[in-house]
Amino acid sequence: MSDTGTKLSDAEIIARFKDGDVAIFQKLVDRYAGRAYQIAYGVLGSREDAEEVAQDVFVRIFRSLGRFRGDSEFTTWMYRIAMNLARNKYRWNKSRGARREISLQETLSDDETRALIQLAEERPSPDLANELNEFETNVMKEIDNLPPLYREALVMRNIDEMSYEQIAHALGCKLGTIKSRIARAREELRKRLGV
């Protein structure tokens, strides 16, 4: 069966997979591997761990896709799998004392990222560069120290740019709960950073 040059929808790919076209699964991998990696990296802060989790996501999906009912979007289902596997890996790492590192750029809002880029383009003085580096270090530390429920919601909103509704659906929570977690995460960061 050939694609007639048109992009197949997720539902069409899944239907073909269920009909025995196992090779079509690669299209889902190509389409969503980057997103699975971003989700995992947002939780774990480690490239190596995120790559491992992203691979595990698609192994899990491959094994379960035949039973996927389509009650939700494929992306929502994939997101839940990725978040669950990333959380499990995080807990496993934490129980073994593994250190989590987070890229500051991936934890900032778009406005904050633009502000940092603008500062970099203005070639700050060495003193300002040192202050900025110290601030980045503090932000990374404080995000890492947020309670997991707050950190998770904040990452989903600011890194993955998911809507509040998508986050609520992916985590199986009420919309108000998600808004509250994100607001509390931001407030906690402001308090801890003194800004």
N, C-alpha and C. Protein backbone atom coordinates (compact mmCIF):
# COMPACT_ATOMS: atom_id res chain seq x y z
N MET A 1 0.85 -1.18 0.00
CA MET A 1 0.00 0.00 0.00
C MET A 1 0.89 1.23 0.00
N SER A 2 0.63 2.18 -0.87
CA SER A 2 1.48 3.36 -0.92
C SER A 2 0.71 4.59 -0.50
N ASP A 3 1.46 5.56 0.01
CA ASP A 3 0.86 6.84 0.36
C ASP A 3 0.81 7.65 -0.93
N THR A 4 -0.27 8.24 -1.25
CA THR A 4 -0.40 8.97 -2.50
C THR A 4 0.10 10.40 -2.36
N GLY A 5 1.17 10.57 -1.63
CA GLY A 5 1.75 11.89 -1.47
C GLY A 5 1.07 12.73 -0.40
N THR A 6 -0.01 12.23 0.15
CA THR A 6 -0.70 12.98 1.19
C THR A 6 -0.22 12.52 2.56
N LYS A 7 -0.27 13.43 3.49
CA LYS A 7 0.15 13.10 4.85
C LYS A 7 -0.98 12.34 5.54
N LEU A 8 -0.65 11.18 6.04
CA LEU A 8 -1.63 10.37 6.74
C LEU A 8 -1.88 10.93 8.13
N SER A 9 -3.12 10.88 8.55
CA SER A 9 -3.45 11.29 9.92
C SER A 9 -2.99 10.19 10.87
N ASP A 10 -2.91 10.54 12.15
CA ASP A 10 -2.56 9.53 13.15
C ASP A 10 -3.55 8.38 13.12
N ALA A 11 -4.84 8.71 12.99
CA ALA A 11 -5.88 7.67 12.98
C ALA A 11 -5.70 6.73 11.79
N GLU A 12 -5.33 7.27 10.64
CA GLU A 12 -5.11 6.42 9.45
C GLU A 12 -3.90 5.51 9.66
N ILE A 13 -2.85 6.06 10.23
CA ILE A 13 -1.65 5.25 10.50
C ILE A 13 -2.00 4.12 11.46
N ILE A 14 -2.72 4.45 12.51
CA ILE A 14 -3.09 3.45 13.51
C ILE A 14 -3.97 2.37 12.89
N ALA A 15 -4.92 2.78 12.05
CA ALA A 15 -5.80 1.80 11.39
C ALA A 15 -4.99 0.86 10.51
N ARG A 16 -4.04 1.41 9.76
CA ARG A 16 -3.20 0.56 8.90
C ARG A 16 -2.34 -0.38 9.74
N PHE A 17 -1.83 0.12 10.87
CA PHE A 17 -1.04 -0.72 11.76
C PHE A 17 -1.89 -1.89 12.26
N LYS A 18 -3.11 -1.58 12.68
CA LYS A 18 -4.01 -2.62 13.18
C LYS A 18 -4.38 -3.63 12.09
N ASP A 19 -4.34 -3.18 10.83
CA ASP A 19 -4.63 -4.07 9.70
C ASP A 19 -3.42 -4.88 9.28
N GLY A 20 -2.32 -4.75 10.01
CA GLY A 20 -1.15 -5.58 9.75
C GLY A 20 0.03 -4.89 9.09
N ASP A 21 -0.09 -3.60 8.79
CA ASP A 21 1.02 -2.86 8.18
C ASP A 21 1.95 -2.37 9.30
N VAL A 22 2.78 -3.27 9.79
CA VAL A 22 3.65 -2.96 10.93
C VAL A 22 4.67 -1.88 10.58
N ALA A 23 5.12 -1.84 9.33
CA ALA A 23 6.13 -0.86 8.92
C ALA A 23 5.63 0.58 9.03
N ILE A 24 4.32 0.77 8.97
CA ILE A 24 3.75 2.12 9.04
C ILE A 24 4.02 2.76 10.40
N PHE A 25 4.32 1.95 11.40
CA PHE A 25 4.59 2.46 12.75
C PHE A 25 5.73 3.48 12.74
N GLN A 26 6.68 3.31 11.83
CA GLN A 26 7.82 4.23 11.75
C GLN A 26 7.36 5.67 11.54
N LYS A 27 6.22 5.85 10.87
CA LYS A 27 5.71 7.21 10.66
C LYS A 27 5.35 7.88 11.99
N LEU A 28 4.79 7.11 12.91
CA LEU A 28 4.49 7.67 14.23
C LEU A 28 5.77 8.01 14.98
N VAL A 29 6.76 7.13 14.86
CA VAL A 29 8.05 7.39 15.52
C VAL A 29 8.66 8.67 14.95
N ASP A 30 8.69 8.77 13.62
CA ASP A 30 9.27 9.95 12.98
C ASP A 30 8.53 11.22 13.38
N ARG A 31 7.23 11.11 13.49
CA ARG A 31 6.39 12.27 13.79
C ARG A 31 6.51 12.72 15.24
N TYR A 32 6.66 11.78 16.18
CA TYR A 32 6.53 12.13 17.60
C TYR A 32 7.74 11.82 18.47
N ALA A 33 8.81 11.30 17.91
CA ALA A 33 9.98 10.99 18.74
C ALA A 33 10.54 12.24 19.41
N GLY A 34 10.56 13.35 18.69
CA GLY A 34 11.06 14.60 19.27
C GLY A 34 10.21 15.06 20.44
N ARG A 35 8.92 14.92 20.30
CA ARG A 35 8.02 15.34 21.38
C ARG A 35 8.19 14.45 22.60
N ALA A 36 8.32 13.14 22.38
CA ALA A 36 8.53 12.22 23.51
C ALA A 36 9.83 12.56 24.23
N TYR A 37 10.86 12.89 23.45
CA TYR A 37 12.15 13.27 24.04
C TYR A 37 11.99 14.55 24.88
N GLN A 38 11.29 15.55 24.34
CA GLN A 38 11.11 16.81 25.07
C GLN A 38 10.37 16.59 26.38
N ILE A 39 9.35 15.76 26.34
CA ILE A 39 8.59 15.47 27.56
C ILE A 39 9.51 14.85 28.60
N ALA A 40 10.26 13.84 28.18
CA ALA A 40 11.16 13.14 29.10
C ALA A 40 12.25 14.08 29.62
N TYR A 41 12.80 14.89 28.74
CA TYR A 41 13.87 15.80 29.15
C TYR A 41 13.34 16.84 30.14
N GLY A 42 12.11 17.28 29.93
CA GLY A 42 11.51 18.24 30.85
C GLY A 42 11.39 17.70 32.26
N VAL A 43 11.19 16.41 32.39
CA VAL A 43 11.08 15.78 33.71
C VAL A 43 12.45 15.41 34.25
N LEU A 44 13.30 14.87 33.39
CA LEU A 44 14.56 14.27 33.84
C LEU A 44 15.76 15.21 33.79
N GLY A 45 15.78 16.13 32.82
CA GLY A 45 16.90 17.05 32.71
C GLY A 45 18.19 16.41 32.25
N SER A 46 18.13 15.21 31.73
CA SER A 46 19.32 14.49 31.27
C SER A 46 19.07 13.99 29.86
N ARG A 47 19.96 14.34 28.94
CA ARG A 47 19.80 13.90 27.54
C ARG A 47 19.79 12.38 27.44
N GLU A 48 20.72 11.75 28.12
CA GLU A 48 20.84 10.29 28.05
C GLU A 48 19.57 9.62 28.57
N ASP A 49 19.09 10.06 29.72
CA ASP A 49 17.87 9.48 30.29
C ASP A 49 16.66 9.77 29.40
N ALA A 50 16.60 10.98 28.85
CA ALA A 50 15.47 11.35 27.99
C ALA A 50 15.45 10.50 26.72
N GLU A 51 16.62 10.24 26.14
CA GLU A 51 16.69 9.38 24.95
C GLU A 51 16.21 7.97 25.29
N GLU A 52 16.64 7.47 26.42
CA GLU A 52 16.23 6.13 26.85
C GLU A 52 14.72 6.05 27.04
N VAL A 53 14.16 7.04 27.71
CA VAL A 53 12.72 7.06 27.96
C VAL A 53 11.96 7.20 26.64
N ALA A 54 12.43 8.07 25.74
CA ALA A 54 11.75 8.26 24.45
C ALA A 54 11.70 6.94 23.68
N GLN A 55 12.78 6.18 23.71
CA GLN A 55 12.78 4.86 23.05
C GLN A 55 11.79 3.93 23.73
N ASP A 56 11.78 3.94 25.04
CA ASP A 56 10.85 3.08 25.79
C ASP A 56 9.40 3.45 25.49
N VAL A 57 9.14 4.73 25.27
CA VAL A 57 7.78 5.18 24.95
C VAL A 57 7.29 4.46 23.70
N PHE A 58 8.12 4.42 22.67
CA PHE A 58 7.68 3.82 21.41
C PHE A 58 7.67 2.30 21.44
N VAL A 59 8.50 1.72 22.28
CA VAL A 59 8.40 0.27 22.50
C VAL A 59 7.05 -0.04 23.14
N ARG A 60 6.69 0.73 24.15
CA ARG A 60 5.41 0.54 24.84
C ARG A 60 4.24 0.77 23.89
N ILE A 61 4.33 1.83 23.08
CA ILE A 61 3.25 2.12 22.13
C ILE A 61 3.13 1.00 21.11
N PHE A 62 4.25 0.52 20.59
CA PHE A 62 4.23 -0.56 19.60
C PHE A 62 3.51 -1.79 20.15
N ARG A 63 3.81 -2.12 21.39
CA ARG A 63 3.20 -3.30 22.01
C ARG A 63 1.71 -3.10 22.29
N SER A 64 1.29 -1.86 22.50
CA SER A 64 -0.09 -1.59 22.93
C SER A 64 -0.98 -1.00 21.85
N LEU A 65 -0.42 -0.60 20.73
CA LEU A 65 -1.19 0.14 19.72
C LEU A 65 -2.38 -0.66 19.19
N GLY A 66 -2.25 -1.95 19.12
CA GLY A 66 -3.37 -2.78 18.65
C GLY A 66 -4.58 -2.68 19.55
N ARG A 67 -4.36 -2.31 20.81
CA ARG A 67 -5.46 -2.18 21.77
C ARG A 67 -5.90 -0.73 21.97
N PHE A 68 -5.25 0.20 21.28
CA PHE A 68 -5.61 1.62 21.40
C PHE A 68 -7.01 1.82 20.84
N ARG A 69 -7.93 2.32 21.68
CA ARG A 69 -9.33 2.46 21.29
C ARG A 69 -9.64 3.81 20.66
N GLY A 70 -8.78 4.78 20.86
CA GLY A 70 -9.03 6.09 20.28
C GLY A 70 -9.99 6.94 21.09
N ASP A 71 -10.15 6.62 22.38
CA ASP A 71 -11.02 7.43 23.24
C ASP A 71 -10.47 8.84 23.40
N SER A 72 -9.16 8.97 23.26
CA SER A 72 -8.51 10.27 23.29
C SER A 72 -7.62 10.36 22.05
N GLU A 73 -7.05 11.51 21.82
CA GLU A 73 -6.12 11.67 20.71
C GLU A 73 -4.89 10.79 20.95
N PHE A 74 -4.27 10.35 19.89
CA PHE A 74 -3.05 9.57 20.01
C PHE A 74 -2.00 10.35 20.79
N THR A 75 -1.89 11.66 20.52
CA THR A 75 -0.86 12.47 21.18
C THR A 75 -1.08 12.53 22.69
N THR A 76 -2.33 12.57 23.11
CA THR A 76 -2.62 12.58 24.55
C THR A 76 -2.20 11.26 25.17
N TRP A 77 -2.51 10.18 24.51
CA TRP A 77 -2.13 8.84 24.98
C TRP A 77 -0.61 8.71 25.04
N MET A 78 0.06 9.16 23.98
CA MET A 78 1.53 9.11 23.95
C MET A 78 2.11 9.97 25.06
N TYR A 79 1.51 11.14 25.29
CA TYR A 79 2.00 12.03 26.33
C TYR A 79 1.90 11.37 27.71
N ARG A 80 0.78 10.71 27.95
CA ARG A 80 0.62 10.02 29.25
C ARG A 80 1.67 8.94 29.43
N ILE A 81 1.91 8.18 28.39
CA ILE A 81 2.92 7.12 28.46
C ILE A 81 4.28 7.75 28.74
N ALA A 82 4.62 8.80 28.00
CA ALA A 82 5.92 9.46 28.18
C ALA A 82 6.06 10.02 29.58
N MET A 83 5.02 10.68 30.08
CA MET A 83 5.09 11.24 31.43
C MET A 83 5.24 10.15 32.48
N ASN A 84 4.48 9.09 32.34
CA ASN A 84 4.57 7.99 33.31
C ASN A 84 5.95 7.35 33.31
N LEU A 85 6.49 7.09 32.13
CA LEU A 85 7.82 6.48 32.07
C LEU A 85 8.89 7.44 32.58
N ALA A 86 8.75 8.72 32.27
CA ALA A 86 9.73 9.71 32.76
C ALA A 86 9.65 9.83 34.28
N ARG A 87 8.44 9.84 34.82
CA ARG A 87 8.29 9.89 36.28
C ARG A 87 8.92 8.67 36.93
N ASN A 88 8.66 7.51 36.35
CA ASN A 88 9.25 6.28 36.90
C ASN A 88 10.77 6.35 36.87
N LYS A 89 11.33 6.83 35.78
CA LYS A 89 12.79 6.96 35.66
C LYS A 89 13.32 7.98 36.67
N TYR A 90 12.59 9.07 36.85
CA TYR A 90 12.99 10.09 37.81
C TYR A 90 13.05 9.50 39.21
N ARG A 91 11.99 8.78 39.58
CA ARG A 91 11.96 8.15 40.91
C ARG A 91 13.09 7.14 41.05
N TRP A 92 13.33 6.37 40.01
CA TRP A 92 14.40 5.38 40.04
C TRP A 92 15.75 6.07 40.22
N ASN A 93 15.98 7.15 39.46
CA ASN A 93 17.23 7.90 39.59
C ASN A 93 17.37 8.49 40.99
N LYS A 94 16.28 9.06 41.48
CA LYS A 94 16.33 9.71 42.79
C LYS A 94 16.62 8.69 43.89
N SER A 95 16.05 7.50 43.77
CA SER A 95 16.28 6.48 44.79
C SER A 95 17.73 6.01 44.79
N ARG A 96 18.42 6.25 43.69
CA ARG A 96 19.82 5.86 43.59
C ARG A 96 20.76 7.07 43.71
N GLY A 97 20.19 8.21 44.04
CA GLY A 97 21.01 9.40 44.28
C GLY A 97 21.52 10.07 43.02
N ALA A 98 20.92 9.77 41.87
CA ALA A 98 21.37 10.40 40.63
C ALA A 98 21.05 11.89 40.67
N ARG A 99 21.94 12.69 40.12
CA ARG A 99 21.76 14.14 40.12
C ARG A 99 21.00 14.55 38.86
N ARG A 100 20.05 15.41 39.03
CA ARG A 100 19.24 15.89 37.91
C ARG A 100 19.75 17.26 37.50
N GLU A 101 20.00 17.44 36.21
CA GLU A 101 20.40 18.73 35.70
C GLU A 101 19.34 19.21 34.74
N ILE A 102 19.05 20.50 34.81
CA ILE A 102 18.02 21.07 33.95
C ILE A 102 18.63 22.21 33.16
N SER A 103 18.34 22.25 31.89
CA SER A 103 18.76 23.36 31.06
C SER A 103 17.88 24.56 31.38
N LEU A 104 18.49 25.68 31.69
CA LEU A 104 17.70 26.86 32.04
C LEU A 104 16.81 27.28 30.89
N GLN A 105 17.32 27.22 29.68
CA GLN A 105 16.54 27.68 28.55
C GLN A 105 15.23 26.91 28.45
N GLU A 106 15.24 25.65 28.78
CA GLU A 106 14.04 24.84 28.66
C GLU A 106 13.07 25.04 29.82
N THR A 107 13.44 25.80 30.80
CA THR A 107 12.53 26.02 31.92
C THR A 107 11.95 27.43 31.93
N LEU A 108 12.36 28.25 30.99
CA LEU A 108 11.89 29.63 30.97
C LEU A 108 10.70 29.80 30.04
N SER A 109 9.89 30.80 30.33
CA SER A 109 8.81 31.16 29.42
C SER A 109 9.42 31.79 28.18
N ASP A 110 8.62 31.97 27.14
CA ASP A 110 9.11 32.58 25.91
C ASP A 110 9.63 33.99 26.16
N ASP A 111 8.93 34.76 26.98
CA ASP A 111 9.36 36.13 27.27
C ASP A 111 10.70 36.15 27.99
N GLU A 112 10.87 35.26 28.94
CA GLU A 112 12.13 35.19 29.69
C GLU A 112 13.26 34.73 28.78
N THR A 113 12.97 33.80 27.88
CA THR A 113 13.98 33.33 26.95
C THR A 113 14.41 34.47 26.03
N ARG A 114 13.43 35.22 25.52
CA ARG A 114 13.76 36.36 24.65
C ARG A 114 14.61 37.38 25.40
N ALA A 115 14.31 37.60 26.67
CA ALA A 115 15.08 38.56 27.46
C ALA A 115 16.53 38.09 27.61
N LEU A 116 16.72 36.79 27.84
CA LEU A 116 18.09 36.28 27.96
C LEU A 116 18.83 36.37 26.63
N ILE A 117 18.13 36.08 25.53
CA ILE A 117 18.77 36.18 24.22
C ILE A 117 19.16 37.62 23.94
N GLN A 118 18.28 38.56 24.28
CA GLN A 118 18.59 39.97 24.09
C GLN A 118 19.80 40.37 24.91
N LEU A 119 19.88 39.90 26.14
CA LEU A 119 21.05 40.19 26.98
C LEU A 119 22.32 39.65 26.34
N ALA A 120 22.23 38.44 25.81
CA ALA A 120 23.40 37.83 25.18
C ALA A 120 23.83 38.62 23.96
N GLU A 121 22.87 39.10 23.18
CA GLU A 121 23.19 39.86 21.98
C GLU A 121 23.82 41.21 22.32
N GLU A 122 23.49 41.74 23.48
CA GLU A 122 24.05 43.02 23.90
C GLU A 122 25.45 42.85 24.49
N ARG A 123 25.95 41.65 24.51
CA ARG A 123 27.27 41.33 25.05
C ARG A 123 27.48 41.98 26.42
N PRO A 124 26.90 41.39 27.42
CA PRO A 124 26.98 41.97 28.76
C PRO A 124 28.42 42.00 29.27
N SER A 125 28.63 42.90 30.20
CA SER A 125 29.94 43.00 30.83
C SER A 125 30.22 41.71 31.59
N PRO A 126 31.49 41.45 31.90
CA PRO A 126 31.80 40.23 32.67
C PRO A 126 31.05 40.16 34.00
N ASP A 127 30.87 41.31 34.67
CA ASP A 127 30.13 41.30 35.93
C ASP A 127 28.68 40.87 35.71
N LEU A 128 28.06 41.44 34.68
CA LEU A 128 26.68 41.09 34.38
C LEU A 128 26.58 39.63 33.95
N ALA A 129 27.56 39.17 33.19
CA ALA A 129 27.57 37.77 32.76
C ALA A 129 27.67 36.85 33.97
N ASN A 130 28.48 37.22 34.95
CA ASN A 130 28.60 36.41 36.17
C ASN A 130 27.28 36.40 36.95
N GLU A 131 26.65 37.57 37.04
CA GLU A 131 25.36 37.64 37.73
C GLU A 131 24.31 36.79 37.02
N LEU A 132 24.30 36.88 35.70
CA LEU A 132 23.34 36.10 34.92
C LEU A 132 23.59 34.60 35.10
N ASN A 133 24.84 34.21 35.08
CA ASN A 133 25.19 32.80 35.28
C ASN A 133 24.76 32.33 36.67
N GLU A 134 24.97 33.16 37.66
CA GLU A 134 24.55 32.82 39.02
C GLU A 134 23.03 32.70 39.11
N PHE A 135 22.32 33.62 38.44
CA PHE A 135 20.86 33.57 38.42
C PHE A 135 20.38 32.28 37.74
N GLU A 136 20.99 31.93 36.61
CA GLU A 136 20.63 30.70 35.91
C GLU A 136 20.80 29.49 36.81
N THR A 137 21.91 29.46 37.52
CA THR A 137 22.18 28.34 38.43
C THR A 137 21.11 28.26 39.51
N ASN A 138 20.75 29.42 40.07
CA ASN A 138 19.72 29.45 41.10
C ASN A 138 18.36 29.00 40.56
N VAL A 139 18.01 29.46 39.36
CA VAL A 139 16.73 29.07 38.76
C VAL A 139 16.70 27.55 38.56
N MET A 140 17.77 26.99 38.03
CA MET A 140 17.82 25.54 37.80
C MET A 140 17.64 24.79 39.11
N LYS A 141 18.33 25.26 40.13
CA LYS A 141 18.24 24.59 41.43
C LYS A 141 16.83 24.67 41.99
N GLU A 142 16.22 25.83 41.89
CA GLU A 142 14.88 26.01 42.47
C GLU A 142 13.81 25.25 41.69
N ILE A 143 13.94 25.18 40.39
CA ILE A 143 12.98 24.38 39.61
C ILE A 143 13.12 22.92 40.00
N ASP A 144 14.33 22.48 40.16
CA ASP A 144 14.57 21.09 40.56
C ASP A 144 13.97 20.80 41.93
N ASN A 145 13.93 21.81 42.79
CA ASN A 145 13.42 21.63 44.15
C ASN A 145 11.91 21.82 44.28
N LEU A 146 11.25 22.21 43.20
CA LEU A 146 9.78 22.34 43.26
C LEU A 146 9.17 20.97 43.51
N PRO A 147 8.03 20.92 44.17
CA PRO A 147 7.34 19.64 44.31
C PRO A 147 7.03 19.07 42.93
N PRO A 148 7.16 17.76 42.75
CA PRO A 148 6.98 17.15 41.42
C PRO A 148 5.69 17.53 40.71
N LEU A 149 4.59 17.64 41.42
CA LEU A 149 3.32 18.00 40.77
C LEU A 149 3.37 19.41 40.19
N TYR A 150 4.01 20.33 40.89
CA TYR A 150 4.13 21.70 40.40
C TYR A 150 5.10 21.75 39.22
N ARG A 151 6.27 21.11 39.39
CA ARG A 151 7.29 21.11 38.35
C ARG A 151 6.72 20.53 37.05
N GLU A 152 6.03 19.41 37.18
CA GLU A 152 5.46 18.72 36.02
C GLU A 152 4.49 19.63 35.26
N ALA A 153 3.56 20.25 35.96
CA ALA A 153 2.58 21.12 35.31
C ALA A 153 3.26 22.33 34.67
N LEU A 154 4.25 22.90 35.36
CA LEU A 154 4.97 24.05 34.84
C LEU A 154 5.73 23.69 33.57
N VAL A 155 6.38 22.55 33.56
CA VAL A 155 7.12 22.09 32.38
C VAL A 155 6.16 21.87 31.20
N MET A 156 5.03 21.24 31.47
CA MET A 156 4.07 20.98 30.40
C MET A 156 3.54 22.28 29.80
N ARG A 157 3.34 23.28 30.63
CA ARG A 157 2.80 24.55 30.15
C ARG A 157 3.86 25.39 29.45
N ASN A 158 5.04 25.53 30.07
CA ASN A 158 6.04 26.45 29.54
C ASN A 158 7.00 25.84 28.53
N ILE A 159 7.27 24.56 28.64
CA ILE A 159 8.19 23.93 27.69
C ILE A 159 7.43 23.30 26.54
N ASP A 160 6.46 22.49 26.89
CA ASP A 160 5.70 21.77 25.87
C ASP A 160 4.61 22.64 25.26
N GLU A 161 4.39 23.81 25.84
CA GLU A 161 3.41 24.77 25.35
C GLU A 161 2.03 24.15 25.18
N MET A 162 1.67 23.31 26.13
CA MET A 162 0.35 22.70 26.12
C MET A 162 -0.66 23.66 26.74
N SER A 163 -1.90 23.57 26.28
CA SER A 163 -2.96 24.38 26.88
C SER A 163 -3.29 23.79 28.25
N TYR A 164 -3.96 24.59 29.07
CA TYR A 164 -4.38 24.09 30.37
C TYR A 164 -5.27 22.87 30.21
N GLU A 165 -6.14 22.91 29.21
CA GLU A 165 -7.06 21.80 28.96
C GLU A 165 -6.30 20.53 28.60
N GLN A 166 -5.29 20.65 27.74
CA GLN A 166 -4.49 19.48 27.35
C GLN A 166 -3.76 18.90 28.55
N ILE A 167 -3.23 19.77 29.39
CA ILE A 167 -2.51 19.29 30.58
C ILE A 167 -3.48 18.56 31.51
N ALA A 168 -4.65 19.14 31.72
CA ALA A 168 -5.64 18.52 32.60
C ALA A 168 -6.03 17.14 32.07
N HIS A 169 -6.23 17.05 30.76
CA HIS A 169 -6.61 15.76 30.16
C HIS A 169 -5.46 14.75 30.28
N ALA A 170 -4.25 15.20 29.98
CA ALA A 170 -3.10 14.30 30.02
C ALA A 170 -2.82 13.77 31.42
N LEU A 171 -3.05 14.60 32.43
CA LEU A 171 -2.77 14.19 33.80
C LEU A 171 -4.00 13.65 34.53
N GLY A 172 -5.14 13.72 33.87
CA GLY A 172 -6.37 13.22 34.49
C GLY A 172 -6.81 14.06 35.68
N CYS A 173 -6.61 15.38 35.57
CA CYS A 173 -6.98 16.30 36.66
C CYS A 173 -8.02 17.29 36.16
N LYS A 174 -8.63 17.99 37.09
CA LYS A 174 -9.56 19.05 36.73
C LYS A 174 -8.77 20.28 36.27
N LEU A 175 -9.39 21.06 35.41
CA LEU A 175 -8.77 22.26 34.87
C LEU A 175 -8.32 23.21 35.98
N GLY A 176 -9.16 23.41 36.97
CA GLY A 176 -8.82 24.29 38.08
C GLY A 176 -7.60 23.81 38.86
N THR A 177 -7.47 22.51 38.98
CA THR A 177 -6.31 21.93 39.67
C THR A 177 -5.03 22.27 38.93
N ILE A 178 -5.06 22.15 37.61
CA ILE A 178 -3.88 22.44 36.79
C ILE A 178 -3.52 23.92 36.89
N LYS A 179 -4.50 24.79 36.76
CA LYS A 179 -4.23 26.23 36.86
C LYS A 179 -3.64 26.57 38.22
N SER A 180 -4.16 25.94 39.24
CA SER A 180 -3.67 26.17 40.60
C SER A 180 -2.22 25.70 40.74
N ARG A 181 -1.92 24.52 40.23
CA ARG A 181 -0.55 24.00 40.33
C ARG A 181 0.44 24.92 39.63
N ILE A 182 0.08 25.38 38.44
CA ILE A 182 0.99 26.24 37.68
C ILE A 182 1.17 27.58 38.39
N ALA A 183 0.08 28.14 38.88
CA ALA A 183 0.17 29.41 39.61
C ALA A 183 1.04 29.25 40.86
N ARG A 184 0.84 28.16 41.58
CA ARG A 184 1.63 27.92 42.79
C ARG A 184 3.10 27.68 42.45
N ALA A 185 3.36 26.99 41.35
CA ALA A 185 4.75 26.75 40.93
C ALA A 185 5.43 28.08 40.63
N ARG A 186 4.75 28.94 39.89
CA ARG A 186 5.33 30.24 39.54
C ARG A 186 5.54 31.10 40.78
N GLU A 187 4.56 31.10 41.67
CA GLU A 187 4.67 31.88 42.90
C GLU A 187 5.82 31.35 43.77
N GLU A 188 5.92 30.05 43.86
CA GLU A 188 6.99 29.43 44.65
C GLU A 188 8.36 29.79 44.07
N LEU A 189 8.48 29.76 42.75
CA LEU A 189 9.75 30.15 42.11
C LEU A 189 10.07 31.61 42.41
N ARG A 190 9.07 32.48 42.25
CA ARG A 190 9.31 33.90 42.54
C ARG A 190 9.79 34.10 43.98
N LYS A 191 9.12 33.42 44.90
CA LYS A 191 9.46 33.54 46.32
C LYS A 191 10.89 33.04 46.57
N ARG A 192 11.20 31.89 46.03
CA ARG A 192 12.52 31.30 46.26
C ARG A 192 13.63 32.12 45.63
N LEU A 193 13.31 32.76 44.49
CA LEU A 193 14.33 33.54 43.78
C LEU A 193 14.34 35.01 44.21
N GLY A 194 13.34 35.41 45.00
CA GLY A 194 13.29 36.79 45.46
C GLY A 194 12.99 37.79 44.36
N VAL A 195 12.19 37.38 43.38
CA VAL A 195 11.83 38.29 42.28
C VAL A 195 10.36 38.57 42.27
